[in-house]
């Protein structure tokens, strides 16, 4: 990790910890979760927003005004709105993506949830997703949220990443293992 990325992560972690603790004290974790999700979607969907929070050319006042308008339009909680205003005032909006990721992790931990990153050859049906989540829950003892993506190069099967554990049942991986075994024989 580069030094600037490490510094950004440190700044984001401090803001996230403070925001999480304040929301927890106020019993507003549900609102914080909703705000975090909405802001993450807004950042993912708007190149202009990402550019505005990262640009040193945009003044503090313009950043603060833009974030105030966005918070009002999205109906964000007072706690999140005030945090965004403070971040704009301190020129820290550039860490907003890391802050949201940290908050998502903290909220999931508080709720006893873990996220599994699932890559499948084809989109999973609702029944398949439910069965996979139940199987993973039985294995880890926590509620599992699935974050699925499709990669047709897998040919078939799944690749599941759960924390530091990776389970690869894809046909592509099995063919690669077979190819390596054949190289060893010949």
Protein backbone atom coordinates (compact mmCIF):
# COMPACT_ATOMS: atom_id res chain seq x y z
CA UNK A 1 0.00 0.00 0.00
CA UNK A 2 1.37 3.41 -0.91
CA UNK A 3 1.99 5.98 1.77
CA UNK A 4 -0.78 8.30 0.54
CA UNK A 5 -3.29 5.41 0.46
CA UNK A 6 -2.28 4.50 4.00
CA UNK A 7 -2.75 8.08 5.18
CA UNK A 8 -6.16 8.28 3.45
CA UNK A 9 -7.24 5.02 5.06
CA UNK A 10 -6.14 6.33 8.48
CA UNK A 11 -8.13 9.54 8.06
CA UNK A 12 -11.19 7.64 6.84
CA UNK A 13 -10.95 5.15 9.71
CA UNK A 14 -10.92 7.93 12.32
CA UNK A 15 -13.96 9.65 10.81
CA UNK A 16 -15.74 6.30 10.42
CA UNK A 17 -15.04 5.27 14.02
CA UNK A 18 -16.28 8.59 15.40
CA UNK A 19 -19.39 8.57 13.20
CA UNK A 20 -20.15 4.93 14.07
CA UNK A 21 -19.78 5.51 17.82
CA UNK A 22 -22.00 8.61 17.73
CA UNK A 23 -24.68 6.76 15.78
CA UNK A 24 -24.45 3.81 18.16
CA UNK A 25 -24.85 6.08 21.22
CA UNK A 26 -27.88 7.75 19.63
CA UNK A 27 -29.40 4.43 18.56
CA UNK A 28 -29.19 5.57 14.96
CA UNK A 29 -27.28 2.67 13.38
CA UNK A 30 -30.20 1.89 11.06
CA UNK A 31 -30.15 5.46 9.71
CA UNK A 32 -26.35 5.33 9.40
CA UNK A 33 -26.60 2.09 7.43
CA UNK A 34 -29.19 3.65 5.11
CA UNK A 35 -27.08 6.81 4.63
CA UNK A 36 -23.94 4.77 3.97
CA UNK A 37 -25.70 2.65 1.36
CA UNK A 38 -27.27 5.67 -0.36
CA UNK A 39 -23.98 7.57 -0.49
CA UNK A 40 -22.12 4.51 -1.81
CA UNK A 41 -24.66 4.17 -4.61
CA UNK A 42 -24.44 7.88 -5.38
CA UNK A 43 -20.63 7.73 -5.58
CA UNK A 44 -20.73 4.63 -7.77
CA UNK A 45 -23.24 6.24 -10.11
CA UNK A 46 -21.82 9.73 -10.47
CA UNK A 47 -18.44 10.51 -11.99
CA UNK A 48 -19.10 14.20 -11.31
CA UNK A 49 -19.52 13.54 -7.58
CA UNK A 50 -16.33 11.47 -7.45
CA UNK A 51 -14.47 14.21 -9.29
CA UNK A 52 -15.86 16.97 -7.05
CA UNK A 53 -14.81 15.28 -3.79
CA UNK A 54 -11.33 14.47 -5.11
CA UNK A 55 -10.51 17.73 -6.89
CA UNK A 56 -8.24 20.23 -5.12
CA UNK A 57 -9.52 22.81 -7.61
CA UNK A 58 -12.98 22.87 -6.00
CA UNK A 59 -13.05 25.31 -3.10
CA UNK A 60 -14.07 24.37 0.44
CA UNK A 61 -17.17 26.48 0.13
CA UNK A 62 -18.22 24.87 -3.15
CA UNK A 63 -17.61 21.39 -1.75
CA UNK A 64 -19.56 22.23 1.40
CA UNK A 65 -22.46 23.72 -0.59
CA UNK A 66 -22.56 20.74 -2.95
CA UNK A 67 -22.50 18.22 -0.09
CA UNK A 68 -25.17 20.16 1.80
CA UNK A 69 -27.41 20.08 -1.30
CA UNK A 70 -26.73 16.39 -1.89
CA UNK A 71 -27.43 15.51 1.76
CA UNK A 72 -30.72 17.46 1.66
CA UNK A 73 -31.79 15.93 -1.67
CA UNK A 74 -30.98 12.40 -0.45
CA UNK A 75 -32.62 12.95 2.93
CA UNK A 76 -29.50 11.99 4.88
CA UNK A 77 -29.54 12.05 8.68
CA UNK A 78 -28.35 15.12 10.53
CA UNK A 79 -25.36 13.17 11.85
CA UNK A 80 -24.21 12.19 8.35
CA UNK A 81 -24.94 15.68 6.96
CA UNK A 82 -22.90 17.31 9.72
CA UNK A 83 -20.04 14.85 9.17
CA UNK A 84 -19.98 15.63 5.45
CA UNK A 85 -19.97 19.36 6.22
CA UNK A 86 -17.06 18.90 8.64
CA UNK A 87 -15.16 16.83 6.09
CA UNK A 88 -15.72 19.52 3.44
CA UNK A 89 -14.54 22.22 5.88
CA UNK A 90 -11.37 20.24 6.68
CA UNK A 91 -10.78 19.32 2.98
CA UNK A 92 -11.22 15.61 3.76
CA UNK A 93 -13.98 14.65 1.32
CA UNK A 94 -11.42 12.79 -0.81
CA UNK A 95 -11.56 9.94 1.76
CA UNK A 96 -15.34 9.52 1.45
CA UNK A 97 -15.12 6.18 -0.46
CA UNK A 98 -12.83 4.69 2.22
CA UNK A 99 -15.05 6.12 4.98
CA UNK A 100 -18.12 4.45 3.48
CA UNK A 101 -16.30 1.13 3.12
CA UNK A 102 -15.17 1.30 6.76
CA UNK A 103 -18.68 2.15 7.94
CA UNK A 104 -20.14 -0.74 5.95
CA UNK A 105 -17.66 -3.13 7.60
CA UNK A 106 -18.33 -1.75 11.10
CA UNK A 107 -22.10 -1.99 10.69
CA UNK A 108 -21.86 -5.55 9.36
CA UNK A 109 -19.64 -6.54 12.30
CA UNK A 110 -22.08 -4.96 14.75
CA UNK A 111 -24.95 -6.90 13.18
CA UNK A 112 -22.95 -10.15 13.20
CA UNK A 113 -22.80 -10.31 9.41
CA UNK A 114 -20.03 -11.19 7.02
CA UNK A 115 -19.90 -10.59 3.29
CA UNK A 116 -18.96 -13.33 0.88
CA UNK A 117 -17.72 -12.34 -2.56
CA UNK A 118 -19.13 -14.88 -4.99
CA UNK A 119 -18.06 -15.14 -8.62
CA UNK A 120 -20.20 -17.45 -10.72
CA UNK A 121 -20.14 -18.56 -14.35
CA UNK A 122 -23.84 -17.58 -14.66
CA UNK A 123 -26.12 -15.40 -12.57
CA UNK A 124 -27.42 -17.24 -9.51
CA UNK A 125 -31.14 -17.70 -9.05
CA UNK A 126 -32.79 -16.52 -5.84
CA UNK A 127 -33.04 -20.13 -4.64
CA UNK A 128 -29.35 -20.78 -5.36
CA UNK A 129 -28.32 -17.58 -3.58
CA UNK A 130 -30.44 -18.48 -0.56
CA UNK A 131 -29.04 -22.03 -0.40
CA UNK A 132 -25.46 -20.75 -0.71
CA UNK A 133 -26.01 -18.15 2.02
CA UNK A 134 -27.49 -20.80 4.32
CA UNK A 135 -24.59 -23.20 3.66
CA UNK A 136 -22.03 -20.47 4.37
CA UNK A 137 -23.93 -19.40 7.50
CA UNK A 138 -23.75 -22.98 8.80
CA UNK A 139 -20.00 -22.95 8.17
CA UNK A 140 -19.15 -19.59 9.79
CA UNK A 141 -21.98 -19.21 12.30
CA UNK A 142 -22.86 -15.68 11.16
CA UNK A 143 -25.35 -14.20 8.76
CA UNK A 144 -23.76 -14.09 5.31
CA UNK A 145 -24.52 -11.40 2.73
CA UNK A 146 -23.61 -12.36 -0.82
CA UNK A 147 -21.91 -9.96 -3.20
CA UNK A 148 -22.16 -11.76 -6.53
CA UNK A 149 -20.52 -11.13 -9.86
CA UNK A 150 -20.61 -13.12 -13.09
CA UNK A 151 -17.46 -14.30 -14.91
CA UNK A 152 -18.26 -16.53 -17.86
CA UNK A 153 -14.59 -17.57 -18.18
CA UNK A 154 -15.13 -19.84 -15.16
CA UNK A 155 -17.09 -22.15 -17.50
CA UNK A 156 -19.08 -23.50 -14.53
CA UNK A 157 -19.04 -23.56 -10.72
CA UNK A 158 -18.27 -20.83 -8.19
CA UNK A 159 -15.42 -18.97 -6.56
CA UNK A 160 -16.33 -17.90 -3.01
CA UNK A 161 -14.18 -15.54 -0.94
CA UNK A 162 -15.20 -15.34 2.70
CA UNK A 163 -12.72 -13.38 4.78
CA UNK A 164 -9.33 -14.99 4.20
CA UNK A 165 -10.86 -18.24 2.93
CA UNK A 166 -11.29 -18.90 -0.77
CA UNK A 167 -13.28 -21.83 -2.13
CA UNK A 168 -12.81 -22.40 -5.86
CA UNK A 169 -15.12 -25.00 -7.39
CA UNK A 170 -14.95 -23.59 -10.91
CA UNK A 171 -14.42 -25.80 -13.93
CA UNK A 172 -11.65 -23.43 -15.01
CA UNK A 173 -9.69 -24.14 -11.79
CA UNK A 174 -10.27 -27.89 -12.10
CA UNK A 175 -9.00 -27.85 -15.70
CA UNK A 176 -5.92 -25.86 -14.63
CA UNK A 177 -5.22 -28.39 -11.85
CA UNK A 178 -5.63 -31.27 -14.32
CA UNK A 179 -3.28 -29.55 -16.76
CA UNK A 180 -0.64 -29.13 -14.03
CA UNK A 181 -1.01 -32.78 -13.00
CA UNK A 182 -0.53 -33.88 -16.59
CA UNK A 183 2.62 -31.74 -16.93
CA UNK A 184 4.09 -33.48 -13.88
CA UNK A 185 3.47 -36.92 -15.39
CA UNK A 186 4.85 -36.14 -18.84
